[in-house]
Amino acid sequence: MTNVHNNKKTVVCSVNNGRLSIWIVYALLCALFLAIGDALVKNAPAMHPATIAAGRVFFSLPVLWAIALVNGIPAINGDIIYALLLSPPIEVVALVLYMRALQISPMYRTLPFLAFTPLLLIITAWVLLHERASLSGIIGIVCVVLGTYSLYFQRGQSLLVPLKTVFHDKGSLMMLIVAVLYSITANFGKMGVICSSPAFFGAIYFTIMVIILGIWCACADSIKNIFTKNIVVIGLTQGIMITFHMLAVAIAPVSYMVAVKRSSMLIGIIFGSIFFGEKNLLQHGIAALIILTGIGIISIAG
């Protein structure tokens, strides 16, 4: 009887360990498809960024609504209206700037600035949600800042040169603005999830974004361009990315999953070197690892 009991425990442990480890695979696949989507945007410099953004969001809707309908309509707090009215317009501007930054600047000079979002969240969360940073969060911030700074630093130059470079490179500056905007919308997103559910809020939120982006696209370009081959492929990568995102967060802590997902930055830098001839891969790769370390500390320990 004892042997049978022990065998049962072994089987249960092995199943649980497999369940815990599979989320890492899902998170890495999520990061991979996010990086592929970014590289495809980089490879489409002639397309209007609002059109790319519209396609990227539109083709993720089937996945989001399927998950929302399976989970059912939750109890909804009336305060959700603030998140749905205030956040989507900001998110749309951020996404269009994101697309444009990828188009005009090297990936190693744009993607790392998304790491400033958790850093800035410490400030915006304190203002909007009255949440305070821990010591580990501050250590993570230092890693993110040092890693980003090292992307621009070269031997023999003044310590202030990298700071000046950020403001002279339009793509870097745009992505820094994106990080600021995302640090604001993330708080509204948390508010929306608390007032409903992650799946329901995500489906409604992205639908509102598609409407806004559709109007922008119609005014600046043409709605039919959303359904061109290149945009469809970009949109499908986003849909696949969100699928793996949802699979991962279903079985892992969100902070852990997001920390692994941010490895898309390192994958994107590698793609930039392979497909677009961006140089200094070793320096930029080390800088990205420092930034990822900071993100991990902020997300997991903070």
Protein backbone atom coordinates (compact mmCIF):
# COMPACT_ATOMS: atom_id res chain seq x y z
CA MET A 1 0.00 0.00 0.00
CA THR A 2 2.85 2.37 0.84
CA ASN A 3 4.47 1.78 -2.54
CA VAL A 4 1.19 2.46 -4.33
CA HIS A 5 0.72 5.68 -2.34
CA ASN A 6 4.28 6.81 -3.15
CA ASN A 7 3.79 6.00 -6.84
CA LYS A 8 0.63 8.12 -6.89
CA LYS A 9 2.51 11.04 -5.30
CA THR A 10 5.29 10.67 -7.89
CA VAL A 11 2.79 10.76 -10.75
CA VAL A 12 1.02 13.83 -9.31
CA CYS A 13 4.34 15.65 -8.79
CA SER A 14 5.49 14.89 -12.33
CA VAL A 15 2.19 16.15 -13.76
CA ASN A 16 2.40 19.36 -11.71
CA ASN A 17 6.02 19.94 -12.71
CA GLY A 18 5.09 19.48 -16.37
CA ARG A 19 2.22 21.93 -15.95
CA LEU A 20 4.54 24.47 -14.32
CA SER A 21 7.26 24.16 -16.96
CA ILE A 22 5.01 24.30 -20.04
CA TRP A 23 4.09 27.94 -19.31
CA ILE A 24 7.73 28.89 -19.98
CA VAL A 25 7.45 27.34 -23.44
CA TYR A 26 4.22 29.27 -24.04
CA ALA A 27 5.81 32.52 -22.81
CA LEU A 28 8.87 32.05 -25.03
CA LEU A 29 6.66 31.34 -28.05
CA CYS A 30 4.71 34.48 -27.15
CA ALA A 31 7.98 36.45 -27.13
CA LEU A 32 9.06 34.87 -30.43
CA PHE A 33 5.87 35.84 -32.29
CA LEU A 34 5.95 39.33 -30.78
CA ALA A 35 9.51 39.74 -32.10
CA ILE A 36 8.52 38.32 -35.51
CA GLY A 37 5.67 40.84 -35.68
CA ASP A 38 8.06 43.69 -34.84
CA ALA A 39 10.51 42.53 -37.51
CA LEU A 40 7.71 42.40 -40.09
CA VAL A 41 6.76 45.97 -39.19
CA LYS A 42 10.40 46.97 -39.61
CA ASN A 43 10.30 45.36 -43.05
CA ALA A 44 7.28 47.48 -44.09
CA PRO A 45 8.62 51.06 -44.00
CA ALA A 46 6.28 52.36 -46.72
CA MET A 47 3.03 51.43 -44.94
CA HIS A 48 1.19 53.95 -42.80
CA PRO A 49 1.76 53.16 -39.10
CA ALA A 50 -1.96 53.58 -38.30
CA THR A 51 -2.81 50.93 -40.93
CA ILE A 52 -0.23 48.52 -39.48
CA ALA A 53 -1.51 49.17 -35.96
CA ALA A 54 -5.13 48.59 -37.07
CA GLY A 55 -4.23 45.26 -38.67
CA ARG A 56 -2.15 44.21 -35.69
CA VAL A 57 -5.11 44.72 -33.34
CA PHE A 58 -7.93 43.63 -35.68
CA PHE A 59 -6.58 40.12 -36.27
CA SER A 60 -6.21 39.52 -32.54
CA LEU A 61 -9.96 40.06 -31.92
CA PRO A 62 -11.12 36.51 -32.84
CA VAL A 63 -8.80 35.04 -30.19
CA LEU A 64 -9.81 37.59 -27.54
CA TRP A 65 -13.55 37.21 -28.13
CA ALA A 66 -13.35 33.41 -28.24
CA ILE A 67 -11.68 33.38 -24.82
CA ALA A 68 -14.13 35.98 -23.46
CA LEU A 69 -17.19 34.02 -24.63
CA VAL A 70 -15.85 30.76 -23.21
CA ASN A 71 -15.30 32.42 -19.82
CA GLY A 72 -18.71 34.14 -19.90
CA ILE A 73 -19.79 37.67 -19.03
CA PRO A 74 -18.59 38.59 -15.53
CA ALA A 75 -20.13 40.88 -12.93
CA ILE A 76 -19.27 44.40 -14.08
CA ASN A 77 -18.51 47.39 -11.87
CA GLY A 78 -19.68 50.72 -13.32
CA ASP A 79 -16.22 52.24 -12.81
CA ILE A 80 -15.04 50.25 -15.85
CA ILE A 81 -16.37 53.09 -17.99
CA TYR A 82 -13.45 55.30 -16.95
CA ALA A 83 -10.93 52.72 -18.17
CA LEU A 84 -12.81 52.21 -21.45
CA LEU A 85 -13.20 55.92 -22.18
CA LEU A 86 -9.79 57.22 -21.12
CA SER A 87 -7.34 54.44 -21.93
CA PRO A 88 -8.01 53.25 -25.54
CA PRO A 89 -7.25 56.65 -27.20
CA ILE A 90 -3.94 56.81 -25.31
CA GLU A 91 -3.15 53.19 -26.20
CA VAL A 92 -3.89 53.88 -29.89
CA VAL A 93 -1.48 56.82 -29.99
CA ALA A 94 1.15 54.68 -28.24
CA LEU A 95 0.70 51.79 -30.71
CA VAL A 96 0.94 54.04 -33.79
CA LEU A 97 4.12 55.65 -32.40
CA TYR A 98 5.44 52.13 -31.66
CA MET A 99 4.90 51.10 -35.30
CA ARG A 100 6.51 54.30 -36.61
CA ALA A 101 9.52 53.98 -34.31
CA LEU A 102 10.19 50.46 -35.60
CA GLN A 103 9.96 51.72 -39.18
CA ILE A 104 12.47 54.59 -38.87
CA SER A 105 15.09 53.44 -36.33
CA PRO A 106 17.21 50.32 -35.66
CA MET A 107 15.50 47.72 -33.48
CA TYR A 108 18.27 47.85 -30.88
CA ARG A 109 17.57 51.57 -30.40
CA THR A 110 13.80 51.24 -30.06
CA LEU A 111 12.74 47.95 -28.42
CA PRO A 112 14.81 48.39 -25.22
CA PHE A 113 12.87 51.54 -24.35
CA LEU A 114 9.78 49.42 -23.73
CA ALA A 115 11.69 48.27 -20.64
CA PHE A 116 11.04 51.71 -19.18
CA THR A 117 7.34 50.86 -18.83
CA PRO A 118 7.72 48.88 -15.56
CA LEU A 119 10.12 51.58 -14.37
CA LEU A 120 7.61 54.36 -15.09
CA LEU A 121 4.78 52.22 -13.72
CA ILE A 122 6.31 52.64 -10.29
CA ILE A 123 5.67 56.38 -10.61
CA THR A 124 2.27 56.25 -12.33
CA ALA A 125 1.00 53.44 -10.07
CA TRP A 126 1.92 55.56 -7.05
CA VAL A 127 0.00 58.54 -8.48
CA LEU A 128 -3.05 56.68 -9.84
CA LEU A 129 -3.31 53.58 -7.61
CA HIS A 130 -1.26 54.64 -4.54
CA GLU A 131 1.09 51.65 -4.94
CA ARG A 132 4.68 52.02 -3.68
CA ALA A 133 7.94 50.57 -4.99
CA SER A 134 9.99 48.07 -2.97
CA LEU A 135 13.78 47.99 -2.60
CA SER A 136 13.98 45.20 -5.19
CA GLY A 137 11.93 47.37 -7.54
CA ILE A 138 14.46 50.19 -7.19
CA ILE A 139 17.35 47.76 -7.88
CA GLY A 140 15.50 46.60 -11.00
CA ILE A 141 15.14 50.23 -12.12
CA VAL A 142 18.90 50.75 -11.84
CA CYS A 143 19.50 47.68 -14.05
CA VAL A 144 17.05 48.93 -16.69
CA VAL A 145 18.61 52.40 -16.77
CA LEU A 146 22.20 51.06 -16.94
CA GLY A 147 21.30 48.57 -19.67
CA THR A 148 19.56 51.19 -21.80
CA TYR A 149 22.41 53.66 -21.26
CA SER A 150 24.98 51.06 -22.40
CA LEU A 151 23.20 50.70 -25.76
CA TYR A 152 24.46 54.14 -26.73
CA PHE A 153 27.77 54.33 -24.87
CA GLN A 154 31.07 54.06 -26.73
CA ARG A 155 34.62 54.19 -25.39
CA GLY A 156 36.20 57.59 -25.14
CA GLN A 157 32.98 59.59 -25.33
CA SER A 158 31.48 61.87 -22.70
CA LEU A 159 29.06 60.28 -20.25
CA LEU A 160 26.37 62.73 -21.44
CA VAL A 161 26.60 61.75 -25.11
CA PRO A 162 24.21 58.74 -24.82
CA LEU A 163 21.58 60.99 -23.24
CA LYS A 164 21.87 63.46 -26.12
CA THR A 165 21.70 60.62 -28.65
CA VAL A 166 18.31 59.50 -27.31
CA PHE A 167 16.78 62.90 -28.05
CA HIS A 168 18.41 63.14 -31.49
CA ASP A 169 17.14 59.72 -32.64
CA LYS A 170 13.43 60.10 -33.49
CA GLY A 171 12.68 56.39 -33.15
CA SER A 172 14.26 56.20 -29.69
CA LEU A 173 12.38 59.30 -28.55
CA MET A 174 9.09 57.94 -29.94
CA MET A 175 9.57 54.63 -28.12
CA LEU A 176 10.37 56.47 -24.90
CA ILE A 177 7.05 58.31 -25.29
CA VAL A 178 5.40 54.93 -25.94
CA ALA A 179 6.82 53.62 -22.65
CA VAL A 180 5.41 56.66 -20.83
CA LEU A 181 1.96 56.17 -22.40
CA TYR A 182 1.97 52.42 -21.67
CA SER A 183 2.81 53.14 -18.03
CA ILE A 184 -0.43 55.15 -17.89
CA THR A 185 -2.66 52.71 -19.80
CA ALA A 186 -1.39 49.76 -17.73
CA ASN A 187 -2.98 51.31 -14.64
CA PHE A 188 -6.29 51.81 -16.43
CA GLY A 189 -5.99 48.22 -17.64
CA LYS A 190 -5.64 47.00 -14.07
CA MET A 191 -8.69 49.07 -13.13
CA GLY A 192 -10.70 47.53 -15.99
CA VAL A 193 -9.72 43.97 -15.06
CA ILE A 194 -10.68 44.55 -11.42
CA CYS A 195 -14.06 45.94 -12.54
CA SER A 196 -14.80 42.94 -14.81
CA SER A 197 -12.42 40.13 -15.86
CA PRO A 198 -9.18 39.93 -17.90
CA ALA A 199 -10.78 38.17 -20.90
CA PHE A 200 -13.91 40.32 -21.06
CA PHE A 201 -12.09 43.61 -20.56
CA GLY A 202 -9.41 42.67 -23.12
CA ALA A 203 -12.02 41.86 -25.80
CA ILE A 204 -13.99 45.10 -25.24
CA TYR A 205 -10.81 47.17 -24.96
CA PHE A 206 -9.28 45.90 -28.23
CA THR A 207 -12.61 46.31 -30.03
CA ILE A 208 -12.70 50.00 -29.07
CA MET A 209 -9.08 50.32 -30.23
CA VAL A 210 -9.98 48.78 -33.62
CA ILE A 211 -12.79 51.32 -34.07
CA ILE A 212 -10.49 54.26 -33.28
CA LEU A 213 -7.69 52.89 -35.47
CA GLY A 214 -10.18 52.20 -38.28
CA ILE A 215 -11.26 55.85 -38.28
CA TRP A 216 -7.62 56.98 -38.20
CA CYS A 217 -6.74 54.59 -41.02
CA ALA A 218 -9.70 55.76 -43.13
CA CYS A 219 -8.62 59.39 -42.74
CA ALA A 220 -4.86 58.89 -43.23
CA ASP A 221 -4.73 55.90 -45.58
CA SER A 222 -7.40 53.38 -46.66
CA ILE A 223 -9.35 50.75 -44.72
CA LYS A 224 -8.82 48.17 -47.49
CA ASN A 225 -5.05 48.31 -46.88
CA ILE A 226 -5.61 46.56 -43.55
CA PHE A 227 -6.39 43.44 -45.56
CA THR A 228 -3.28 43.48 -47.75
CA LYS A 229 -1.03 40.42 -47.49
CA ASN A 230 1.71 42.09 -45.41
CA ILE A 231 -0.71 43.56 -42.85
CA VAL A 232 -2.63 40.28 -42.56
CA VAL A 233 0.60 38.40 -41.78
CA ILE A 234 1.58 41.04 -39.19
CA GLY A 235 -1.90 40.79 -37.66
CA LEU A 236 -1.82 37.00 -37.53
CA THR A 237 1.50 37.03 -35.65
CA GLN A 238 -0.20 39.26 -33.06
CA GLY A 239 -3.15 36.85 -32.84
CA ILE A 240 -0.79 33.88 -32.32
CA MET A 241 1.19 35.89 -29.75
CA ILE A 242 -1.96 36.66 -27.74
CA THR A 243 -3.00 32.99 -27.88
CA PHE A 244 0.28 31.89 -26.29
CA HIS A 245 0.04 34.82 -23.84
CA MET A 246 -3.36 33.62 -22.63
CA LEU A 247 -2.19 29.99 -22.42
CA ALA A 248 0.80 31.04 -20.30
CA VAL A 249 -1.02 33.34 -17.86
CA ALA A 250 -3.65 30.64 -17.32
CA ILE A 251 -1.07 28.47 -15.51
CA ALA A 252 1.61 30.92 -14.32
CA PRO A 253 1.82 34.12 -12.26
CA VAL A 254 1.34 37.12 -14.57
CA SER A 255 4.51 38.87 -13.34
CA TYR A 256 6.63 35.77 -14.09
CA MET A 257 5.09 35.34 -17.50
CA VAL A 258 5.57 39.01 -18.49
CA ALA A 259 9.22 38.90 -17.39
CA VAL A 260 9.85 35.94 -19.74
CA LYS A 261 7.78 37.56 -22.50
CA ARG A 262 10.08 40.59 -22.43
CA SER A 263 12.79 38.35 -23.91
CA SER A 264 11.17 39.43 -27.20
CA MET A 265 13.45 42.47 -26.92
CA LEU A 266 16.57 40.29 -27.11
CA ILE A 267 15.07 38.21 -29.95
CA GLY A 268 14.21 41.44 -31.78
CA ILE A 269 17.78 42.71 -31.47
CA ILE A 270 19.06 39.41 -32.89
CA PHE A 271 16.56 39.68 -35.77
CA GLY A 272 17.75 43.25 -36.40
CA SER A 273 21.32 42.02 -36.75
CA ILE A 274 20.44 39.03 -38.98
CA PHE A 275 17.81 40.54 -41.28
CA PHE A 276 18.55 44.28 -41.27
CA GLY A 277 22.34 44.40 -40.87
CA GLU A 278 22.30 46.20 -37.51
CA LYS A 279 25.78 46.17 -35.97
CA ASN A 280 27.37 45.65 -32.51
CA LEU A 281 25.21 42.62 -31.72
CA LEU A 282 27.38 41.60 -28.71
CA GLN A 283 27.21 45.01 -27.02
CA HIS A 284 23.49 45.36 -27.66
CA GLY A 285 22.80 41.76 -26.60
CA ILE A 286 24.63 42.26 -23.28
CA ALA A 287 22.75 45.53 -22.73
CA ALA A 288 19.46 43.73 -23.41
CA LEU A 289 20.34 41.01 -20.88
CA ILE A 290 21.03 43.68 -18.23
CA ILE A 291 17.66 45.27 -19.00
CA LEU A 292 15.91 41.87 -18.86
CA THR A 293 17.54 41.24 -15.47
CA GLY A 294 16.10 44.52 -14.25
CA ILE A 295 12.66 43.65 -15.64
CA GLY A 296 12.83 40.25 -13.92
CA ILE A 297 13.68 41.84 -10.58
CA ILE A 298 10.88 44.40 -10.90
CA SER A 299 8.30 41.88 -12.12
CA ILE A 300 9.10 38.90 -9.89
CA ALA A 301 10.73 40.23 -6.73
CA GLY A 302 9.21 43.73 -6.79
